[in-house]
Protein backbone atom coordinates (compact mmCIF):
# COMPACT_ATOMS: atom_id res chain seq x y z
CA UNK A 1 143.61 -124.96 120.00
CA UNK A 2 146.30 -125.55 122.61
CA UNK A 3 148.08 -128.76 123.50
CA UNK A 4 148.08 -130.81 126.71
CA UNK A 5 151.44 -131.57 128.33
CA UNK A 6 152.08 -134.34 130.86
CA UNK A 7 155.29 -134.04 132.90
CA UNK A 8 156.42 -137.31 134.46
CA UNK A 9 158.62 -136.18 137.35
CA UNK A 10 159.71 -139.60 138.64
CA UNK A 11 163.32 -138.38 138.65
CA UNK A 12 162.55 -134.87 139.85
CA UNK A 13 162.49 -131.64 137.89
CA UNK A 14 164.85 -128.73 137.28
CA UNK A 15 164.95 -125.82 134.88
CA UNK A 16 167.35 -127.30 132.36
CA UNK A 17 165.62 -130.68 132.42
CA UNK A 18 162.34 -128.94 131.58
CA UNK A 19 163.81 -126.95 128.69
CA UNK A 20 165.54 -130.02 127.26
CA UNK A 21 162.34 -132.09 127.42
CA UNK A 22 160.36 -129.34 125.67
CA UNK A 23 163.00 -129.05 122.96
CA UNK A 24 162.84 -132.80 122.50
CA UNK A 25 159.08 -132.47 122.07
CA UNK A 26 159.60 -130.16 119.15
CA UNK A 27 160.00 -126.62 120.49
CA UNK A 28 161.85 -124.58 117.83
CA UNK A 29 165.49 -124.04 118.88
CA UNK A 30 165.76 -121.06 116.51
CA UNK A 31 162.90 -119.28 118.27
CA UNK A 32 164.57 -120.03 121.61
CA UNK A 33 167.98 -118.78 120.49
CA UNK A 34 166.47 -115.56 119.13
CA UNK A 35 164.83 -114.85 122.48
CA UNK A 36 167.95 -115.63 124.50
CA UNK A 37 170.15 -113.47 122.27
CA UNK A 38 167.86 -110.53 122.98
CA UNK A 39 168.26 -110.80 126.75
CA UNK A 40 170.19 -107.88 128.32
CA UNK A 41 172.66 -110.26 129.96
CA UNK A 42 176.35 -111.02 129.37
CA UNK A 43 178.61 -113.99 129.96
CA UNK A 44 176.76 -117.08 128.77
CA UNK A 45 176.14 -119.34 125.82
CA UNK A 46 173.89 -122.36 125.37
CA UNK A 47 174.42 -125.84 124.04
CA UNK A 48 171.63 -128.08 122.77
CA UNK A 49 172.86 -131.64 122.35
CA UNK A 50 172.07 -135.34 122.65
CA UNK A 51 173.40 -137.45 125.51
CA UNK A 52 173.02 -141.02 126.74
CA UNK A 53 171.23 -141.46 130.06
CA UNK A 54 170.59 -145.01 131.30
CA UNK A 55 171.15 -146.14 127.73
CA UNK A 56 168.50 -143.75 126.36
CA UNK A 57 169.01 -141.03 123.79
CA UNK A 58 168.07 -137.84 125.64
CA UNK A 59 168.11 -134.12 124.86
CA UNK A 60 170.44 -131.92 126.91
CA UNK A 61 170.15 -128.15 127.41
CA UNK A 62 173.27 -126.63 128.90
CA UNK A 63 173.89 -123.02 129.91
CA UNK A 64 177.65 -122.43 129.80
CA UNK A 65 178.87 -119.47 131.85
CA UNK A 66 182.11 -117.58 131.48
CA UNK A 67 184.68 -117.72 134.29
CA UNK A 68 183.31 -114.62 136.02
CA UNK A 69 179.85 -116.14 136.39
CA UNK A 70 180.64 -119.86 136.78
CA UNK A 71 178.93 -121.36 139.85
CA UNK A 72 180.32 -124.93 139.74
CA UNK A 73 176.82 -126.29 140.22
CA UNK A 74 177.84 -129.72 138.93
CA UNK A 75 180.33 -130.42 141.73
CA UNK A 76 178.65 -133.33 143.51
CA UNK A 77 181.29 -133.61 146.21
CA UNK A 78 180.96 -129.95 147.07
CA UNK A 79 177.18 -130.07 147.16
CA UNK A 80 176.82 -133.23 149.22
CA UNK A 81 180.19 -133.76 150.86
CA UNK A 82 182.73 -136.52 150.21
CA UNK A 83 181.51 -138.91 152.91
CA UNK A 84 177.84 -138.54 152.09
CA UNK A 85 178.49 -138.75 148.37
CA UNK A 86 180.33 -142.07 148.52
CA UNK A 87 178.11 -143.74 151.10
CA UNK A 88 175.30 -144.09 148.55
CA UNK A 89 175.01 -145.50 145.06
CA UNK A 90 175.15 -143.04 142.18
CA UNK A 91 175.27 -143.20 138.43
CA UNK A 92 178.76 -144.02 137.23
CA UNK A 93 178.32 -144.01 133.48
CA UNK A 94 178.42 -140.48 132.11
CA UNK A 95 176.42 -139.80 128.98
CA UNK A 96 178.42 -138.34 126.12
CA UNK A 97 177.31 -135.91 123.51
CA UNK A 98 176.90 -137.29 120.01
CA UNK A 99 175.54 -134.15 118.34
CA UNK A 100 175.71 -130.44 119.18
CA UNK A 101 173.81 -127.31 118.37
CA UNK A 102 176.00 -124.43 119.56
CA UNK A 103 174.86 -120.85 120.06
CA UNK A 104 177.41 -118.07 120.53
CA UNK A 105 176.20 -115.14 122.61
CA UNK A 106 177.77 -111.77 123.27
CA UNK A 107 181.07 -112.63 121.64
CA UNK A 108 181.82 -115.59 123.89
CA UNK A 109 183.69 -118.30 121.98
CA UNK A 110 181.79 -121.59 121.94
CA UNK A 111 183.83 -124.55 123.12
CA UNK A 112 183.07 -127.90 121.43
CA UNK A 113 183.51 -130.73 123.85
CA UNK A 114 181.64 -133.65 125.41
CA UNK A 115 179.08 -132.80 128.08
CA UNK A 116 178.81 -135.01 131.13
CA UNK A 117 175.18 -135.95 131.67
CA UNK A 118 174.96 -134.93 135.32
CA UNK A 119 171.69 -133.54 136.56
CA UNK A 120 171.75 -129.78 136.41
CA UNK A 121 169.76 -127.91 139.04
CA UNK A 122 169.12 -124.56 137.46
CA UNK A 123 167.66 -122.86 140.50
CA UNK A 124 170.25 -124.07 142.96
CA UNK A 125 172.03 -120.97 144.10
CA UNK A 126 173.29 -122.91 147.07
CA UNK A 127 176.86 -123.07 145.87
CA UNK A 128 178.66 -120.00 147.19
CA UNK A 129 178.82 -119.87 150.98
CA UNK A 130 179.16 -116.58 152.79
CA UNK A 131 182.16 -117.90 154.68
CA UNK A 132 185.14 -117.56 152.30
CA UNK A 133 187.02 -120.16 154.34
CA UNK A 134 184.45 -122.81 153.49
CA UNK A 135 185.39 -123.00 149.80
CA UNK A 136 187.72 -120.18 148.77
CA UNK A 137 188.33 -121.61 145.31
CA UNK A 138 184.62 -121.46 144.51
CA UNK A 139 183.84 -117.98 145.73
CA UNK A 140 182.98 -115.56 142.93
CA UNK A 141 181.49 -112.12 142.69
CA UNK A 142 177.94 -112.59 141.41
CA UNK A 143 175.16 -110.12 140.76
CA UNK A 144 172.40 -110.11 143.35
CA UNK A 145 169.30 -109.12 141.41
CA UNK A 146 165.99 -108.16 142.97
CA UNK A 147 162.60 -109.11 141.57
CA UNK A 148 162.19 -105.71 139.89
CA UNK A 149 165.51 -106.10 138.04
CA UNK A 150 164.57 -109.57 136.84
CA UNK A 151 161.15 -108.33 135.71
CA UNK A 152 162.89 -105.60 133.71
CA UNK A 153 165.13 -108.20 132.02
CA UNK A 154 162.06 -110.24 131.04
CA UNK A 155 160.18 -107.22 129.69
CA UNK A 156 163.18 -106.29 127.53
CA UNK A 157 163.52 -109.80 126.10
CA UNK A 158 162.14 -110.50 122.62
CA UNK A 159 159.40 -113.04 123.29
CA UNK A 160 155.63 -113.20 123.14
CA UNK A 161 153.33 -111.66 125.71
CA UNK A 162 152.27 -115.13 126.85
CA UNK A 163 155.86 -116.27 127.31
CA UNK A 164 156.67 -113.14 129.32
CA UNK A 165 153.64 -113.73 131.54
CA UNK A 166 154.77 -117.31 132.21
CA UNK A 167 158.34 -116.26 133.06
CA UNK A 168 157.10 -113.48 135.35
CA UNK A 169 154.78 -115.92 137.12
CA UNK A 170 157.63 -118.38 137.72
CA UNK A 171 159.84 -115.68 139.23
CA UNK A 172 156.99 -114.37 141.39
CA UNK A 173 156.49 -117.87 142.83
CA UNK A 174 160.22 -118.10 143.55
CA UNK A 175 160.24 -114.65 145.15
CA UNK A 176 157.33 -115.55 147.42
CA UNK A 177 159.10 -118.75 148.49
CA UNK A 178 162.42 -117.02 149.17
CA UNK A 179 160.74 -114.18 151.04
CA UNK A 180 159.00 -116.66 153.34
CA UNK A 181 162.20 -118.64 153.87
CA UNK A 182 164.18 -115.55 154.89
CA UNK A 183 161.35 -113.78 156.72
CA UNK A 184 161.33 -110.62 154.63
CA UNK A 185 159.09 -108.68 152.30
CA UNK A 186 159.09 -109.84 148.70
CA UNK A 187 160.29 -106.44 147.51
CA UNK A 188 163.47 -106.86 149.58
CA UNK A 189 164.39 -110.30 148.26
CA UNK A 190 167.61 -110.33 146.25
CA UNK A 191 168.15 -113.62 144.47
CA UNK A 192 171.58 -115.10 144.41
CA UNK A 193 170.62 -118.42 142.90
CA UNK A 194 167.54 -117.31 141.06
CA UNK A 195 169.20 -114.09 140.00
CA UNK A 196 172.15 -116.00 138.61
CA UNK A 197 172.42 -115.94 134.83
CA UNK A 198 171.91 -119.66 134.28
CA UNK A 199 168.72 -119.67 136.33
CA UNK A 200 167.29 -116.67 134.48
CA UNK A 201 168.14 -118.33 131.17
CA UNK A 202 166.50 -121.60 132.19
CA UNK A 203 163.27 -119.90 133.25
CA UNK A 204 163.02 -117.69 130.18
CA UNK A 205 163.86 -120.67 127.95
CA UNK A 206 161.16 -122.80 129.57
CA UNK A 207 158.58 -120.03 129.07
CA UNK A 208 159.56 -119.57 125.42
CA UNK A 209 159.39 -123.31 124.68
CA UNK A 210 156.01 -123.74 126.38
CA UNK A 211 154.64 -120.87 124.33
CA UNK A 212 156.21 -122.16 121.12
CA UNK A 213 154.53 -125.56 121.62
CA UNK A 214 151.23 -123.81 122.40
CA UNK A 215 150.89 -125.62 125.73
CA UNK A 216 147.65 -124.61 127.44
CA UNK A 217 147.17 -127.50 129.86
CA UNK A 218 149.88 -129.12 131.99
CA UNK A 219 149.29 -132.26 134.05
CA UNK A 220 151.74 -132.97 136.89
CA UNK A 221 150.51 -135.66 139.32
CA UNK A 222 153.49 -135.37 141.71
CA UNK A 223 157.14 -134.39 142.09
CA UNK A 224 159.59 -137.06 143.25
CA UNK A 225 162.16 -135.69 145.70
CA UNK A 226 165.24 -137.20 147.32
CA UNK A 227 166.55 -136.97 150.86
CA UNK A 228 169.63 -136.01 152.84
CA UNK A 229 171.34 -132.61 152.90
CA UNK A 230 172.88 -130.20 150.44
CA UNK A 231 175.34 -127.33 150.75
CA UNK A 232 173.90 -123.92 149.93
CA UNK A 233 174.85 -120.29 150.27
CA UNK A 234 173.66 -120.30 153.86
CA UNK A 235 175.19 -123.59 154.96
CA UNK A 236 174.01 -127.20 155.00
CA UNK A 237 170.24 -127.60 154.51
CA UNK A 238 167.91 -130.58 154.57
CA UNK A 239 166.26 -131.77 151.38
CA UNK A 240 163.79 -130.56 150.23
CA UNK A 241 165.30 -127.12 150.73
CA UNK A 242 163.07 -124.39 152.22
CA UNK A 243 162.32 -122.74 148.86
CA UNK A 244 161.04 -126.01 147.42
CA UNK A 245 159.00 -126.78 150.55
CA UNK A 246 157.44 -123.32 150.45
CA UNK A 247 156.55 -123.63 146.76
CA UNK A 248 155.01 -127.06 147.27
CA UNK A 249 152.98 -125.82 150.22
CA UNK A 250 151.79 -122.55 148.69
CA UNK A 251 150.78 -124.09 145.37
CA UNK A 252 149.38 -127.42 146.64
CA UNK A 253 151.81 -129.53 144.68
CA UNK A 254 152.08 -133.19 145.62
CA UNK A 255 155.54 -134.24 146.80
CA UNK A 256 156.60 -137.89 146.77
CA UNK A 257 159.74 -138.67 148.77
CA UNK A 258 162.06 -141.38 147.44
CA UNK A 259 165.06 -143.22 148.86
CA UNK A 260 167.45 -141.38 146.51
CA UNK A 261 170.17 -139.57 148.44
CA UNK A 262 170.26 -136.12 146.86
CA UNK A 263 168.21 -133.19 145.63
CA UNK A 264 165.90 -134.13 142.75
CA UNK A 265 163.63 -131.08 142.80
CA UNK A 266 165.26 -127.67 142.48
CA UNK A 267 163.53 -124.41 143.37
CA UNK A 268 163.39 -123.47 139.69
CA UNK A 269 161.91 -126.83 138.76
CA UNK A 270 159.30 -126.57 141.52
CA UNK A 271 158.44 -123.00 140.51
CA UNK A 272 157.98 -123.98 136.85
CA UNK A 273 155.71 -126.85 137.91
CA UNK A 274 153.68 -124.57 140.17
CA UNK A 275 153.33 -121.84 137.53
CA UNK A 276 152.18 -124.00 134.63
CA UNK A 277 150.34 -126.94 136.22
CA UNK A 278 146.61 -126.94 135.47
CA UNK A 279 145.79 -130.42 136.77
CA UNK A 280 147.23 -133.15 138.95
CA UNK A 281 145.22 -135.97 137.42
CA UNK A 282 145.74 -137.73 134.12
CA UNK A 283 142.65 -138.50 132.05
CA UNK A 284 141.59 -142.14 132.33
CA UNK A 285 142.14 -142.60 128.61
CA UNK A 286 144.51 -140.68 126.36
CA UNK A 287 146.69 -140.98 123.28
CA UNK A 288 150.39 -140.05 123.32
CA UNK A 289 151.13 -137.75 120.39
CA UNK A 290 154.82 -137.24 121.11
CA UNK A 291 157.38 -137.92 123.84
CA UNK A 292 160.38 -135.81 124.83
CA UNK A 293 163.11 -136.53 127.38
CA UNK A 294 165.32 -133.95 129.05
CA UNK A 295 168.62 -134.74 130.77
CA UNK A 296 169.79 -133.45 134.12
CA UNK A 297 173.42 -132.92 135.07
CA UNK A 298 173.89 -134.45 138.51
CA UNK A 299 174.82 -138.07 139.15
CA UNK A 300 172.33 -139.79 141.41
CA UNK A 301 171.24 -143.38 141.81
CA UNK A 302 168.14 -142.65 139.75
CA UNK A 303 168.96 -141.44 136.20
CA UNK A 304 168.11 -137.75 135.96
CA UNK A 305 165.56 -137.70 133.13
CA UNK A 306 162.40 -135.63 132.87
CA UNK A 307 159.94 -137.23 130.49
CA UNK A 308 157.35 -134.99 128.83
CA UNK A 309 154.44 -136.14 126.71
CA UNK A 310 152.03 -134.33 124.47
CA UNK A 311 148.79 -136.19 125.09
CA UNK A 312 145.30 -136.12 123.66
CA UNK A 313 142.52 -137.00 126.11
CA UNK A 314 140.27 -139.62 124.54
CA UNK A 315 136.74 -140.68 125.27
CA UNK A 316 136.51 -144.47 124.92
CA UNK A 317 133.71 -146.09 123.02
CA UNK A 318 130.87 -145.82 125.48
CA UNK A 319 129.65 -149.19 126.67
CA UNK A 320 125.89 -149.68 126.61
CA UNK A 321 124.93 -149.95 130.26
CA UNK A 322 121.66 -150.86 131.85
CA UNK A 323 120.47 -151.19 135.43
CA UNK A 324 118.47 -153.96 137.06
CA UNK A 325 116.31 -153.16 140.07
CA UNK A 326 114.99 -156.12 141.99
CA UNK A 327 113.14 -156.88 145.19
CA UNK A 328 111.64 -159.98 146.87
CA UNK A 329 107.96 -159.61 147.77
CA UNK A 330 105.92 -162.19 149.76
CA UNK A 331 102.99 -160.11 151.05
CA UNK A 332 101.58 -158.32 148.01
CA UNK A 333 98.51 -159.37 145.96
CA UNK A 334 98.53 -160.23 142.29
CA UNK A 335 96.25 -157.26 141.52
CA UNK A 336 98.72 -154.83 143.06
CA UNK A 337 101.64 -156.39 141.22
CA UNK A 338 99.78 -156.12 137.90
CA UNK A 339 99.12 -152.42 138.54
CA UNK A 340 102.76 -151.86 139.53
CA UNK A 341 103.93 -153.33 136.23
CA UNK A 342 101.75 -150.87 134.30
CA UNK A 343 103.11 -147.94 136.30
CA UNK A 344 106.72 -149.02 135.84
CA UNK A 345 106.37 -149.32 132.07
CA UNK A 346 104.62 -145.95 131.92
CA UNK A 347 107.54 -144.26 133.67
CA UNK A 348 110.50 -145.51 131.67
CA UNK A 349 111.07 -149.18 132.53
CA UNK A 350 112.56 -151.08 129.59
CA UNK A 351 111.28 -154.40 130.94
CA UNK A 352 109.47 -155.69 134.01
CA UNK A 353 109.07 -159.34 134.98
CA UNK A 354 108.20 -161.58 137.90
CA UNK A 355 109.96 -164.80 138.93
CA UNK A 356 108.31 -167.24 141.39
CA UNK A 357 110.54 -167.87 144.41
CA UNK A 358 110.32 -169.34 147.90
CA UNK A 359 111.47 -167.15 150.78
CA UNK A 360 112.09 -167.79 154.46
CA UNK A 361 109.55 -169.93 156.29
CA UNK A 362 108.76 -171.53 152.88
CA UNK A 363 106.57 -168.62 151.83
CA UNK A 364 105.72 -168.43 148.12
CA UNK A 365 106.81 -165.07 146.79
CA UNK A 366 107.87 -163.23 143.65
CA UNK A 367 111.14 -161.67 142.58
CA UNK A 368 110.17 -158.38 140.92
CA UNK A 369 112.81 -157.32 138.37
CA UNK A 370 112.94 -154.00 136.52
CA UNK A 371 115.32 -153.19 133.65
CA UNK A 372 115.92 -149.46 133.14
CA UNK A 373 118.40 -146.74 132.22
CA UNK A 374 120.22 -144.78 134.92
CA UNK A 375 118.12 -141.65 134.53
CA UNK A 376 114.93 -143.58 135.38
CA UNK A 377 116.18 -145.24 138.57
CA UNK A 378 114.94 -142.70 141.08
CA UNK A 379 111.41 -142.48 139.75
CA UNK A 380 111.03 -146.24 139.33
CA UNK A 381 112.29 -146.91 142.85
CA UNK A 382 109.77 -144.38 144.15
CA UNK A 383 106.99 -146.31 142.42
CA UNK A 384 108.20 -149.60 143.93
CA UNK A 385 108.27 -148.16 147.44
CA UNK A 386 104.88 -146.44 147.09
CA UNK A 387 102.95 -149.16 145.28
CA UNK A 388 104.31 -152.36 146.88
CA UNK A 389 105.10 -153.60 150.37
CA UNK A 390 108.84 -153.83 149.77
CA UNK A 391 111.24 -152.19 152.20
CA UNK A 392 114.42 -152.60 150.14
CA UNK A 393 115.53 -152.61 146.51
CA UNK A 394 118.74 -154.07 145.09
CA UNK A 395 120.44 -152.23 142.24
CA UNK A 396 122.88 -153.75 139.76
CA UNK A 397 124.72 -151.95 136.93
CA UNK A 398 125.25 -154.18 133.90
CA UNK A 399 126.87 -153.83 130.51
CA UNK A 400 125.05 -155.24 127.55
CA UNK A 401 125.62 -155.91 123.87
CA UNK A 402 122.96 -154.37 121.66
CA UNK A 403 122.44 -154.80 117.92
CA UNK A 404 122.17 -151.72 115.74
CA UNK A 405 118.47 -151.25 115.12
CA UNK A 406 115.92 -148.88 113.70
CA UNK A 407 112.15 -148.70 113.25
CA UNK A 408 110.58 -148.43 109.81
CA UNK A 409 107.37 -149.28 108.08
CA UNK A 410 106.44 -151.82 105.38
CA UNK A 411 103.37 -152.05 103.14
CA UNK A 412 101.79 -155.51 102.98
CA UNK A 413 98.93 -156.67 100.80
CA UNK A 414 96.61 -156.26 103.76
CA UNK A 415 97.91 -152.90 104.94
CA UNK A 416 100.86 -150.99 106.43
CA UNK A 417 102.75 -152.33 109.43
CA UNK A 418 105.58 -151.03 111.63
CA UNK A 419 108.65 -153.23 111.90
CA UNK A 420 112.01 -153.35 113.65
CA UNK A 421 115.18 -153.77 111.55
CA UNK A 422 118.29 -155.18 113.30
CA UNK A 423 121.81 -155.59 111.92
CA UNK A 424 123.85 -158.56 113.14
CA UNK A 425 127.64 -158.29 113.70
CA UNK A 426 128.22 -160.15 110.41
CA UNK A 427 126.14 -157.60 108.52
CA UNK A 428 123.02 -159.76 108.16
CA UNK A 429 119.76 -157.81 108.43
CA UNK A 430 116.71 -159.17 110.21
CA UNK A 431 113.24 -157.63 110.33
CA UNK A 432 110.57 -158.20 112.93
CA UNK A 433 106.99 -156.88 113.05
CA UNK A 434 106.20 -154.72 116.07
CA UNK A 435 103.67 -156.59 118.20
CA UNK A 436 101.37 -153.62 118.79
CA UNK A 437 101.38 -152.79 115.07
CA UNK A 438 100.59 -156.40 114.11
CA UNK A 439 97.84 -156.59 116.75
CA UNK A 440 96.27 -153.35 115.52
CA UNK A 441 96.33 -154.63 111.93
CA UNK A 442 94.63 -157.85 113.09
CA UNK A 443 91.91 -155.86 114.82
CA UNK A 444 91.26 -153.55 111.87
CA UNK A 445 91.20 -156.37 109.28
CA UNK A 446 89.39 -158.94 111.42
CA UNK A 447 92.09 -161.50 110.66
CA UNK A 448 93.77 -163.66 113.31
CA UNK A 449 97.10 -162.36 114.60
CA UNK A 450 98.84 -165.59 113.52
CA UNK A 451 97.65 -164.99 109.96
CA UNK A 452 98.95 -161.40 110.02
CA UNK A 453 102.37 -162.66 111.14
CA UNK A 454 102.38 -165.38 108.47
CA UNK A 455 101.55 -162.85 105.73
CA UNK A 456 104.35 -160.63 107.02
CA UNK A 457 106.90 -163.45 106.84
CA UNK A 458 105.76 -164.58 103.37
CA UNK A 459 105.71 -161.15 101.75
CA UNK A 460 108.88 -159.98 103.49
CA UNK A 461 110.72 -163.07 102.18
CA UNK A 462 109.51 -162.33 98.66
CA UNK A 463 110.70 -158.70 98.87
CA UNK A 464 114.16 -159.68 100.12
CA UNK A 465 114.62 -162.68 97.84
CA UNK A 466 114.51 -165.23 100.67
CA UNK A 467 112.12 -168.21 100.50
């Protein structure tokens, strides 16, 4: 039986934030490392560590690239510009690592050092502009992989069939979004950002962790996004960037804009959300089984933390509810009202009663009240409309407290009688004779009903030890 995951995206979502949150929930890092080591890619290593974000102990998943593949995605000034960056409030306290789990891949030497807890946007391939004059120091030669090449990498990676299907779905969503943004066929899309090593690693890692936790249902009510602009491969773009907007639109995700100046939702984060979300609504009642928090890498005013919860939907103790139907009647005879009562009881009414009232123009009238369960409402209202002169019925839903009760029989000296046994909240048991059973016993024995009830009370007290 699978588990239900709730992703609270109040601070946005990115690939590395998702992986870190899933690891914090209990995804096996050894299973993840085995899968990533099997990927036919060079030039990266991963770090799994703990950092402080807004004073909280948070998991951090970091993909470290070698010099040839480094994309400087954590450079806030480059991404947002010096003037824009310093005209808004951002986090100033960097979280520092206080424990590390290092993985060495492909002969790359792992470097032990503190990791700054800046929000990392795994899918942001917006760092290397075409114009070499724009940022010559940051221009690198990166692979531009098409969807078919990425699919081949996933198929050759050692992970389960379900994890592969999830990773392929995420990349397909990204490909569709990029193809729409650039006005080209999906088969011609070559990802710079998404095809970058760190983005591929983030997506595969997320798929592996989801599978390892046996996540079958994912609830994401909305994605919080920032505002402003960000530098990308093609220049300065408004937030949310086109890829994110396209993913949100195509997959009917709910976007909630905030006053944070910066990009909170990356294309990879949006694609993961779109691929795995099964519902946008939390159950009314649920238990939290475990909570995980994943750190981002960028410094924004809102601390970059993705909180994930394994939840168990719960059905609350069902309250005993009853309905009251009532109508005021001033032009109906007593004979008709007597017949109506019989019909109402015969068709499921729990109780029927009349209350004398005075209506407009000082007319004597009756308030007809019917107590019933929800499933009987329609039929009982039909009887009221057909058998009385009323033209309107009020309906009230009420909760009630009901004692535990059962029906049983007792043998008295004068014969057998049906009785009702009720248990009070303090455990005390009370027994009452059923009226119809007592009346029938009176008729068959020729004794008065009061005598039958007295015999019941006397002999019942003797049986239970009460005088």
